[in-house]
Amino acid sequence: MQSVDVGVYVYFDNSERQPYRLCAISHNRVLRSMTPVNEPTYRRIVALDVARGIAILGTLATNIWIFATWHQMDSVMEQYFDPNFTLWDEVRAASTNGTAAEAADALFNAASALVTDGKFLGLLTIMFGIGMEIQRQSAAKRNQRWPGLYYWRAILLVAEGLLNYIFIFEFDVLMGYGLTALAVAPIIARSERVQKVWMWLALSAHVLVMLLFSVGTYLLNSIPLDEVEGGEDIPTFDQSFALYTATDSYPAMVQARIDDFFGGRFEIPIMFVMGIGVFLLAARLYRAGLFQPAGAGLRRKVMLVGLGVGIPLDWGLRLFATGASASLTRYVTSTVVAFGVLALIAAFYIRRDNTLGVVGTGLAAVGRTALTCYILQNLLASVVFYDFGFGLARYVEGPAGTLLVCGVYLALCALLVAFSMLWLKRFQRGPFEIVMHRAVDMVAAKQRQAVQR
């Protein structure tokens, strides 16, 4: 999401295309450097672009259901937090009592939840942390003060997120990432020891809060409200989660987001604490050589924890304790899996000598225009599914509705890939990335003028 055109390069031998020199700057020190044979050819670490592209298209795979089922949000959220609801029982019931189409639909929905929910949010959070570390390394190479101008990048991201929330999508993450970046930027300039303390404090607090939230949700929903004194005054799901009663008026939807601003931003405190820990851990792994050829041992360890431990834990909770562990799986175990996925991507492209194939080229293009594609995908999905646009959400019901949503998702992905590839033939950055870059340049120019005076 951030502009990361600088400092994201691997050096390759011109003749054999083998990595012969790879440098990483950590607190103004060169961690690892091998003697070059010939003049270096600078190339981006393509795994970073691909991972960012996967995160963007993956968030769309999750968010598209918010657009497509806005009119069913009450029942969806009630089911989501029902401590007795499990995906296993849902699939089993559909297989036993439903038609073949209903069984297939239930199986697909379960698989979708296992693969997408929280995983790409976690991956996107990780990529933000790596992006911050890349920016810090770039500043160190240029002997620039840190955080310095990065504060302005973060402030602009908060502003973009605020506008995205008000005018496009109520589940925007940019605002939360910008606020987290403001907090983490000075920490990442401190010693490794200080960073490690902050990282473990944030991660421990996040896991503890999510555990307590899951237990609290289970206990609250296990008690019948009619048996509790004053139970009728406890907010129900339709009061807490139904932001829209209609989507035929775009101005009315904007007003609804403004009126319910704090309720609509409920995820930011969660993302803030989680983000501090994940940003610092991601930066630490990047410095440790996760994307370097010599980092094979580190990649294996991350994949072992993320995929070998994370997937069984995440899928087990989701299948057999879906409602009871909803917060824990979305914000904790999914992020563990995301780290494993990132290590897998890094290993894949190191084996390919940092070269892109056909699929990777499209994903990398989306990754290089990530901010633009994130905003654009939400805007397009709004027009497609809400009633002020094409209103396709009205047709999302049962197995046929699932096929419709999947078709729209594939079409939007193809559109985003085509747009980003065509745009990058002419420009180095996406349109929103250009705006942010120029805004930061303007601030830098004004600061230089002020110093010269």
Protein backbone atom coordinates (compact mmCIF):
# COMPACT_ATOMS: atom_id res chain seq x y z
CA MET A 1 0.00 0.00 0.00
CA GLN A 2 2.95 2.27 0.52
CA SER A 3 5.32 3.53 -2.12
CA VAL A 4 8.13 0.99 -2.02
CA ASP A 5 9.97 1.57 -5.28
CA VAL A 6 13.25 2.24 -3.45
CA GLY A 7 15.32 -0.22 -1.50
CA VAL A 8 13.47 -3.35 -2.66
CA TYR A 9 16.08 -4.73 -4.99
CA VAL A 10 18.18 -7.86 -5.40
CA TYR A 11 21.49 -7.82 -7.22
CA PHE A 12 21.96 -10.45 -9.94
CA ASP A 13 24.92 -11.65 -11.95
CA ASN A 14 24.37 -10.52 -15.53
CA SER A 15 25.60 -13.76 -17.05
CA GLU A 16 24.21 -16.57 -14.89
CA ARG A 17 21.27 -14.70 -13.35
CA GLN A 18 22.24 -16.04 -9.92
CA PRO A 19 22.03 -13.88 -6.83
CA TYR A 20 25.57 -12.76 -6.03
CA ARG A 21 25.02 -9.83 -3.76
CA LEU A 22 22.12 -9.05 -1.51
CA CYS A 23 22.22 -6.30 1.06
CA ALA A 24 19.90 -5.38 3.87
CA ILE A 25 20.44 -2.30 5.99
CA SER A 26 19.43 -2.55 9.63
CA HIS A 27 19.98 0.54 11.75
CA ASN A 28 22.60 1.81 9.30
CA ARG A 29 24.55 -1.47 9.31
CA VAL A 30 25.07 -3.85 6.41
CA LEU A 31 23.89 -7.24 7.63
CA ARG A 32 25.07 -9.37 4.78
CA SER A 33 27.07 -8.70 1.61
CA MET A 34 28.87 -11.00 -0.82
CA THR A 35 31.50 -9.76 -3.24
CA PRO A 36 30.05 -9.03 -6.70
CA VAL A 37 31.51 -10.57 -9.82
CA ASN A 38 30.30 -8.07 -12.42
CA GLU A 39 28.42 -4.81 -12.41
CA PRO A 40 25.07 -5.41 -10.70
CA THR A 41 21.70 -5.40 -12.36
CA TYR A 42 19.08 -4.01 -10.01
CA ARG A 43 15.83 -5.95 -9.75
CA ARG A 44 12.89 -5.73 -7.41
CA ILE A 45 12.22 -8.50 -4.94
CA VAL A 46 9.19 -9.67 -6.88
CA ALA A 47 7.90 -11.84 -4.02
CA LEU A 48 6.99 -8.62 -2.17
CA ASP A 49 4.90 -7.36 -5.09
CA VAL A 50 3.21 -10.74 -5.56
CA ALA A 51 2.43 -11.09 -1.85
CA ARG A 52 0.94 -7.61 -1.80
CA GLY A 53 -1.14 -8.41 -4.89
CA ILE A 54 -2.40 -11.65 -3.32
CA ALA A 55 -3.32 -9.72 -0.16
CA ILE A 56 -5.32 -7.14 -2.15
CA LEU A 57 -7.25 -9.65 -4.26
CA GLY A 58 -7.65 -11.84 -1.20
CA THR A 59 -9.27 -9.07 0.82
CA LEU A 60 -11.71 -8.65 -2.05
CA ALA A 61 -12.55 -12.37 -1.78
CA THR A 62 -13.57 -11.70 1.83
CA ASN A 63 -15.13 -8.26 1.48
CA ILE A 64 -17.20 -9.03 -1.58
CA TRP A 65 -19.59 -11.00 0.63
CA ILE A 66 -20.16 -7.87 2.73
CA PHE A 67 -21.35 -6.06 -0.38
CA ALA A 68 -23.29 -9.03 -1.70
CA THR A 69 -25.14 -9.82 1.55
CA TRP A 70 -25.65 -6.36 3.05
CA HIS A 71 -29.40 -7.04 3.25
CA GLN A 72 -28.73 -10.25 5.20
CA MET A 73 -26.23 -8.74 7.63
CA ASP A 74 -28.38 -9.26 10.71
CA SER A 75 -28.68 -13.02 10.24
CA VAL A 76 -25.07 -13.35 9.08
CA MET A 77 -23.67 -11.62 12.17
CA GLU A 78 -26.05 -13.41 14.52
CA GLN A 79 -24.86 -16.72 13.12
CA TYR A 80 -21.23 -15.58 13.18
CA PHE A 81 -21.35 -14.94 16.94
CA ASP A 82 -23.64 -17.80 17.88
CA PRO A 83 -21.49 -19.97 20.20
CA ASN A 84 -23.39 -23.06 19.10
CA PHE A 85 -22.84 -22.51 15.38
CA THR A 86 -20.15 -24.58 13.64
CA LEU A 87 -19.23 -24.97 10.00
CA TRP A 88 -19.02 -28.71 10.49
CA ASP A 89 -22.65 -28.94 11.59
CA GLU A 90 -23.67 -26.64 8.72
CA VAL A 91 -22.01 -28.82 6.10
CA ARG A 92 -23.25 -32.02 7.69
CA ALA A 93 -26.84 -30.77 7.88
CA ALA A 94 -26.80 -29.63 4.24
CA SER A 95 -25.30 -32.94 3.11
CA THR A 96 -27.86 -34.96 5.06
CA ASN A 97 -31.05 -32.98 4.56
CA GLY A 98 -30.42 -30.72 1.58
CA THR A 99 -30.18 -31.14 -2.15
CA ALA A 100 -26.90 -31.78 -3.92
CA ALA A 101 -26.70 -28.10 -4.85
CA GLU A 102 -27.30 -27.03 -1.25
CA ALA A 103 -24.66 -29.46 0.00
CA ALA A 104 -22.14 -28.15 -2.53
CA ASP A 105 -23.00 -24.57 -1.56
CA ALA A 106 -22.47 -25.29 2.14
CA LEU A 107 -19.17 -27.03 1.40
CA PHE A 108 -18.01 -24.08 -0.71
CA ASN A 109 -18.97 -21.57 1.98
CA ALA A 110 -17.08 -23.57 4.59
CA ALA A 111 -14.01 -23.84 2.37
CA SER A 112 -14.19 -20.13 1.62
CA ALA A 113 -14.26 -19.32 5.33
CA LEU A 114 -11.30 -21.60 5.99
CA VAL A 115 -9.18 -20.13 3.19
CA THR A 116 -10.09 -16.43 3.07
CA ASP A 117 -11.48 -15.07 6.34
CA GLY A 118 -8.75 -13.15 8.14
CA LYS A 119 -5.87 -14.66 6.15
CA PHE A 120 -5.51 -11.82 3.68
CA LEU A 121 -6.19 -9.17 6.29
CA GLY A 122 -3.26 -10.66 8.19
CA LEU A 123 -1.10 -10.78 5.06
CA LEU A 124 -1.94 -7.16 4.24
CA THR A 125 -0.97 -6.14 7.78
CA ILE A 126 2.33 -7.98 7.44
CA MET A 127 3.06 -6.24 4.13
CA PHE A 128 2.49 -2.85 5.74
CA GLY A 129 5.10 -3.68 8.37
CA ILE A 130 7.60 -4.77 5.73
CA GLY A 131 6.82 -1.63 3.72
CA MET A 132 7.64 0.51 6.74
CA GLU A 133 10.98 -1.27 7.24
CA ILE A 134 11.81 -0.75 3.56
CA GLN A 135 11.09 2.95 3.90
CA ARG A 136 13.30 3.12 6.99
CA GLN A 137 16.15 1.38 5.19
CA SER A 138 15.76 3.77 2.26
CA ALA A 139 15.98 6.75 4.61
CA ALA A 140 19.11 5.26 6.21
CA LYS A 141 20.77 4.81 2.80
CA ARG A 142 20.08 8.46 2.01
CA ASN A 143 21.25 9.61 5.45
CA GLN A 144 17.79 11.04 6.09
CA ARG A 145 16.25 11.45 9.51
CA TRP A 146 13.70 8.83 10.52
CA PRO A 147 10.72 8.90 10.90
CA GLY A 148 10.89 12.36 9.30
CA LEU A 149 8.67 12.48 6.24
CA TYR A 150 7.24 9.05 6.98
CA TYR A 151 4.97 10.70 9.52
CA TRP A 152 3.37 12.58 6.63
CA ARG A 153 2.89 9.34 4.69
CA ALA A 154 1.08 7.87 7.67
CA ILE A 155 -1.05 10.99 8.15
CA LEU A 156 -2.02 10.96 4.49
CA LEU A 157 -2.93 7.28 4.82
CA VAL A 158 -5.21 8.10 7.75
CA ALA A 159 -6.85 10.83 5.65
CA GLU A 160 -7.29 8.46 2.69
CA GLY A 161 -8.76 5.85 4.99
CA LEU A 162 -11.20 8.37 6.45
CA LEU A 163 -12.38 9.38 2.99
CA ASN A 164 -12.60 5.72 1.93
CA TYR A 165 -14.73 4.96 5.00
CA ILE A 166 -17.09 7.88 4.50
CA PHE A 167 -17.55 7.71 0.76
CA ILE A 168 -16.90 4.07 -0.22
CA PHE A 169 -16.56 1.28 2.35
CA GLU A 170 -17.37 1.08 6.05
CA PHE A 171 -14.83 -1.69 6.71
CA ASP A 172 -11.85 0.33 5.48
CA VAL A 173 -8.46 -0.71 6.93
CA LEU A 174 -6.30 2.18 5.68
CA MET A 175 -7.19 4.46 8.56
CA GLY A 176 -6.21 1.83 11.13
CA TYR A 177 -2.94 1.10 9.34
CA GLY A 178 -2.08 4.79 9.19
CA LEU A 179 -2.68 5.25 12.91
CA THR A 180 -0.63 2.15 13.66
CA ALA A 181 2.18 3.42 11.45
CA LEU A 182 2.31 6.67 13.44
CA ALA A 183 2.85 4.63 16.60
CA VAL A 184 5.32 2.11 15.18
CA ALA A 185 7.51 4.49 13.14
CA PRO A 186 9.52 5.79 16.13
CA ILE A 187 9.74 2.31 17.69
CA ILE A 188 11.26 0.79 14.55
CA ALA A 189 14.11 3.30 14.79
CA ARG A 190 15.07 2.03 18.26
CA SER A 191 17.33 -0.88 19.15
CA GLU A 192 16.45 -4.48 18.42
CA ARG A 193 15.88 -5.03 22.14
CA VAL A 194 13.39 -2.19 22.43
CA GLN A 195 11.55 -3.35 19.31
CA LYS A 196 11.39 -6.90 20.65
CA VAL A 197 9.88 -5.72 23.95
CA TRP A 198 7.20 -3.67 22.17
CA MET A 199 6.51 -6.52 19.76
CA TRP A 200 5.90 -9.10 22.49
CA LEU A 201 3.87 -6.68 24.62
CA ALA A 202 1.58 -5.88 21.69
CA LEU A 203 1.22 -9.48 20.50
CA SER A 204 0.56 -10.77 24.02
CA ALA A 205 -2.01 -8.05 24.71
CA HIS A 206 -3.72 -8.73 21.39
CA VAL A 207 -3.98 -12.48 21.91
CA LEU A 208 -5.19 -12.02 25.49
CA VAL A 209 -7.89 -9.54 24.48
CA MET A 210 -9.10 -11.77 21.65
CA LEU A 211 -9.23 -14.76 24.00
CA LEU A 212 -11.24 -12.76 26.53
CA PHE A 213 -13.50 -11.43 23.79
CA SER A 214 -14.18 -14.94 22.49
CA VAL A 215 -14.92 -16.24 25.99
CA GLY A 216 -17.10 -13.22 26.73
CA THR A 217 -19.03 -13.64 23.49
CA TYR A 218 -19.57 -17.31 24.25
CA LEU A 219 -20.85 -16.61 27.77
CA LEU A 220 -23.04 -13.68 26.69
CA ASN A 221 -24.70 -15.61 23.89
CA SER A 222 -25.12 -18.74 25.98
CA ILE A 223 -27.42 -16.91 28.42
CA PRO A 224 -31.05 -16.46 27.26
CA LEU A 225 -31.83 -12.74 27.45
CA ASP A 226 -35.38 -13.36 28.67
CA GLU A 227 -33.97 -14.98 31.79
CA VAL A 228 -31.75 -11.99 32.66
CA GLU A 229 -33.06 -8.96 34.50
CA GLY A 230 -32.98 -6.04 32.07
CA GLY A 231 -32.11 -8.40 29.23
CA GLU A 232 -34.41 -6.53 26.89
CA ASP A 233 -32.03 -3.55 27.11
CA ILE A 234 -29.00 -5.51 25.93
CA PRO A 235 -28.19 -4.51 22.30
CA THR A 236 -29.12 -7.13 19.75
CA PHE A 237 -27.28 -7.86 16.52
CA ASP A 238 -29.63 -5.87 14.36
CA GLN A 239 -29.02 -2.83 16.53
CA SER A 240 -25.26 -3.27 16.54
CA PHE A 241 -24.38 -4.36 13.02
CA ALA A 242 -27.10 -3.30 10.57
CA LEU A 243 -25.61 -0.08 9.21
CA TYR A 244 -27.98 0.15 6.23
CA THR A 245 -31.67 -0.49 5.89
CA ALA A 246 -31.49 0.47 2.21
CA THR A 247 -28.78 1.14 -0.38
CA ASP A 248 -30.78 2.91 -3.07
CA SER A 249 -29.56 6.35 -1.95
CA TYR A 250 -25.81 6.93 -2.01
CA PRO A 251 -26.02 10.21 -0.02
CA ALA A 252 -28.06 8.43 2.66
CA MET A 253 -25.37 5.71 2.91
CA VAL A 254 -22.67 8.34 3.33
CA GLN A 255 -24.72 10.00 6.05
CA ALA A 256 -25.21 6.64 7.78
CA ARG A 257 -21.46 6.08 7.91
CA ILE A 258 -20.93 9.53 9.37
CA ASP A 259 -23.69 9.12 11.96
CA ASP A 260 -22.34 5.73 13.06
CA PHE A 261 -18.68 6.73 12.79
CA PHE A 262 -17.45 5.23 16.07
CA GLY A 263 -19.55 2.11 15.69
CA GLY A 264 -18.36 1.71 12.12
CA ARG A 265 -14.73 2.02 13.23
CA PHE A 266 -14.98 -0.70 15.90
CA GLU A 267 -12.20 -2.72 14.25
CA ILE A 268 -9.56 0.02 14.52
CA PRO A 269 -8.61 -0.58 18.20
CA ILE A 270 -8.22 -4.29 17.44
CA MET A 271 -6.12 -3.57 14.35
CA PHE A 272 -4.04 -1.00 16.23
CA VAL A 273 -2.81 -3.35 18.95
CA MET A 274 -2.47 -6.24 16.51
CA GLY A 275 -0.73 -3.98 14.01
CA ILE A 276 1.98 -2.84 16.43
CA GLY A 277 3.03 -6.42 17.08
CA VAL A 278 2.65 -7.64 13.49
CA PHE A 279 4.40 -4.59 11.97
CA LEU A 280 7.41 -5.09 14.24
CA LEU A 281 7.54 -8.86 13.69
CA ALA A 282 7.25 -8.44 9.92
CA ALA A 283 10.05 -5.86 9.88
CA ARG A 284 12.18 -8.15 12.04
CA LEU A 285 11.71 -11.09 9.66
CA TYR A 286 12.52 -8.90 6.67
CA ARG A 287 15.78 -7.75 8.29
CA ALA A 288 16.60 -11.33 9.26
CA GLY A 289 16.61 -12.35 5.58
CA LEU A 290 13.20 -13.92 4.91
CA PHE A 291 13.51 -12.87 1.24
CA GLN A 292 17.23 -13.63 0.90
CA PRO A 293 18.59 -16.82 -0.68
CA ALA A 294 20.56 -17.45 2.51
CA GLY A 295 17.37 -17.32 4.59
CA ALA A 296 16.14 -20.83 3.73
CA GLY A 297 16.34 -21.95 7.36
CA LEU A 298 14.28 -18.98 8.53
CA ARG A 299 11.67 -19.59 5.82
CA ARG A 300 11.33 -23.22 6.88
CA LYS A 301 10.77 -22.20 10.50
CA VAL A 302 8.15 -19.62 9.55
CA MET A 303 6.36 -22.11 7.29
CA LEU A 304 6.48 -24.76 10.01
CA VAL A 305 4.80 -22.45 12.51
CA GLY A 306 2.49 -20.66 10.07
CA LEU A 307 1.38 -23.63 7.99
CA GLY A 308 2.25 -26.65 10.09
CA VAL A 309 0.81 -25.29 13.34
CA GLY A 310 -1.34 -22.36 12.21
CA ILE A 311 -3.52 -24.16 9.66
CA PRO A 312 -4.54 -27.12 11.87
CA LEU A 313 -5.28 -24.76 14.77
CA ASP A 314 -7.19 -22.25 12.64
CA TRP A 315 -9.18 -24.81 10.67
CA GLY A 316 -9.93 -26.89 13.75
CA LEU A 317 -11.39 -23.90 15.59
CA ARG A 318 -13.30 -22.73 12.54
CA LEU A 319 -14.82 -26.14 11.83
CA PHE A 320 -15.77 -27.20 15.33
CA ALA A 321 -16.01 -23.92 17.33
CA THR A 322 -16.88 -21.43 14.61
CA GLY A 323 -19.02 -18.98 16.55
CA ALA A 324 -17.25 -19.39 19.88
CA SER A 325 -13.82 -18.64 18.40
CA ALA A 326 -14.79 -16.09 15.73
CA SER A 327 -12.61 -13.24 17.04
CA LEU A 328 -9.68 -15.52 17.85
CA THR A 329 -9.59 -17.09 14.39
CA ARG A 330 -10.07 -13.87 12.44
CA TYR A 331 -7.49 -11.79 14.29
CA VAL A 332 -4.99 -14.31 15.69
CA THR A 333 -4.73 -17.73 14.05
CA SER A 334 -5.36 -16.31 10.56
CA THR A 335 -2.38 -13.98 10.94
CA VAL A 336 -0.18 -16.89 12.01
CA VAL A 337 -1.19 -18.68 8.79
CA ALA A 338 -0.50 -15.50 6.79
CA PHE A 339 3.13 -15.48 7.94
CA GLY A 340 3.48 -19.04 6.66
CA VAL A 341 1.94 -18.07 3.33
CA LEU A 342 4.39 -15.16 3.00
CA ALA A 343 7.37 -17.45 3.67
CA LEU A 344 6.02 -19.87 1.05
CA ILE A 345 5.78 -17.07 -1.53
CA ALA A 346 9.32 -15.95 -0.71
CA ALA A 347 10.67 -19.49 -1.11
CA PHE A 348 8.85 -19.98 -4.42
CA TYR A 349 10.34 -16.89 -6.05
CA ILE A 350 13.82 -17.50 -4.71
CA ARG A 351 13.71 -20.90 -6.42
CA ARG A 352 12.61 -19.09 -9.61
CA ASP A 353 15.61 -16.73 -9.41
CA ASN A 354 13.33 -13.78 -8.67
CA THR A 355 11.54 -14.04 -12.03
CA LEU A 356 7.79 -13.74 -12.65
CA GLY A 357 5.58 -16.08 -14.62
CA VAL A 358 2.29 -15.19 -16.27
CA VAL A 359 0.19 -15.36 -13.11
CA GLY A 360 2.89 -13.72 -11.02
CA THR A 361 3.13 -10.81 -13.45
CA GLY A 362 -0.54 -9.99 -12.98
CA LEU A 363 -0.38 -10.33 -9.20
CA ALA A 364 2.77 -8.22 -9.03
CA ALA A 365 1.09 -5.47 -11.06
CA VAL A 366 -1.77 -5.38 -8.55
CA GLY A 367 0.79 -5.33 -5.75
CA ARG A 368 2.61 -2.35 -7.23
CA THR A 369 -0.69 -0.45 -7.46
CA ALA A 370 -2.06 -1.87 -4.21
CA LEU A 371 -3.50 1.33 -2.75
CA THR A 372 -5.30 2.14 -5.99
CA CYS A 373 -6.61 -1.39 -6.43
CA TYR A 374 -7.84 -1.55 -2.83
CA ILE A 375 -9.89 1.61 -3.22
CA LEU A 376 -11.03 0.72 -6.72
CA GLN A 377 -12.22 -2.78 -5.82
CA ASN A 378 -14.43 -1.43 -3.03
CA LEU A 379 -15.84 1.25 -5.30
CA LEU A 380 -16.63 -1.23 -8.07
CA ALA A 381 -18.18 -3.75 -5.67
CA SER A 382 -20.40 -0.99 -4.26
CA VAL A 383 -21.68 -0.09 -7.71
CA VAL A 384 -22.25 -3.73 -8.64
CA PHE A 385 -24.11 -4.88 -5.51
CA TYR A 386 -25.77 -1.84 -3.94
CA ASP A 387 -29.14 -0.59 -5.12
CA PHE A 388 -27.85 2.84 -6.15
CA GLY A 389 -25.89 0.89 -8.78
CA PHE A 390 -26.78 -2.44 -10.37
CA GLY A 391 -28.27 -3.90 -7.18
CA LEU A 392 -27.06 -7.46 -7.75
CA ALA A 393 -27.19 -8.17 -4.02
CA ARG A 394 -30.94 -8.68 -4.43
CA TYR A 395 -30.22 -11.78 -6.51
CA VAL A 396 -27.77 -13.35 -4.06
CA GLU A 397 -29.70 -16.25 -2.58
CA GLY A 398 -28.77 -19.92 -2.31
CA PRO A 399 -26.36 -21.81 -4.61
CA ALA A 400 -27.18 -19.64 -7.62
CA GLY A 401 -26.33 -16.54 -5.59
CA THR A 402 -22.98 -18.03 -4.62
CA LEU A 403 -22.15 -18.63 -8.28
CA LEU A 404 -23.16 -15.05 -9.08
CA VAL A 405 -20.85 -13.63 -6.41
CA CYS A 406 -17.97 -15.84 -7.55
CA GLY A 407 -18.48 -14.70 -11.13
CA VAL A 408 -18.45 -11.04 -10.11
CA TYR A 409 -15.32 -11.63 -8.03
CA LEU A 410 -13.43 -13.19 -10.95
CA ALA A 411 -14.54 -10.37 -13.25
CA LEU A 412 -13.37 -7.71 -10.78
CA CYS A 413 -10.02 -9.49 -10.33
CA ALA A 414 -9.52 -9.62 -14.09
CA LEU A 415 -10.41 -5.94 -14.37
CA LEU A 416 -7.98 -4.95 -11.59
CA VAL A 417 -5.15 -7.01 -13.08
CA ALA A 418 -5.74 -5.61 -16.58
CA PHE A 419 -5.97 -2.04 -15.30
CA SER A 420 -2.81 -2.28 -13.19
CA MET A 421 -0.77 -3.89 -15.99
CA LEU A 422 -1.87 -1.30 -18.54
CA TRP A 423 -1.27 1.58 -16.13
CA LEU A 424 2.25 0.40 -15.25
CA LYS A 425 3.22 0.34 -18.90
CA ARG A 426 3.08 4.12 -18.74
CA PHE A 427 3.65 5.00 -15.09
CA GLN A 428 5.85 3.63 -12.32
CA ARG A 429 3.16 3.95 -9.64
CA GLY A 430 -0.60 3.65 -9.41
CA PRO A 431 -2.73 6.82 -9.55
CA PHE A 432 -3.37 7.03 -5.81
CA GLU A 433 0.27 6.14 -5.13
CA ILE A 434 1.31 9.04 -7.38
CA VAL A 435 -0.93 11.42 -5.45
CA MET A 436 0.53 10.32 -2.12
CA HIS A 437 4.10 10.46 -3.44
CA ARG A 438 3.65 13.97 -4.80
CA ALA A 439 1.95 15.14 -1.62
CA VAL A 440 4.92 13.94 0.44
CA ASP A 441 7.31 15.58 -2.04
CA MET A 442 5.44 18.86 -1.61
CA VAL A 443 5.80 18.63 2.15
CA ALA A 444 9.51 17.87 1.78
CA ALA A 445 9.96 20.85 -0.55
CA LYS A 446 8.24 23.19 1.91
CA GLN A 447 10.40 21.89 4.74
CA ARG A 448 13.56 22.53 2.68
CA GLN A 449 12.37 26.05 1.91
CA ALA A 450 11.70 26.68 5.58
CA VAL A 451 15.24 25.50 6.48
CA GLN A 452 16.82 27.69 3.79
CA ARG A 453 15.04 30.74 5.16
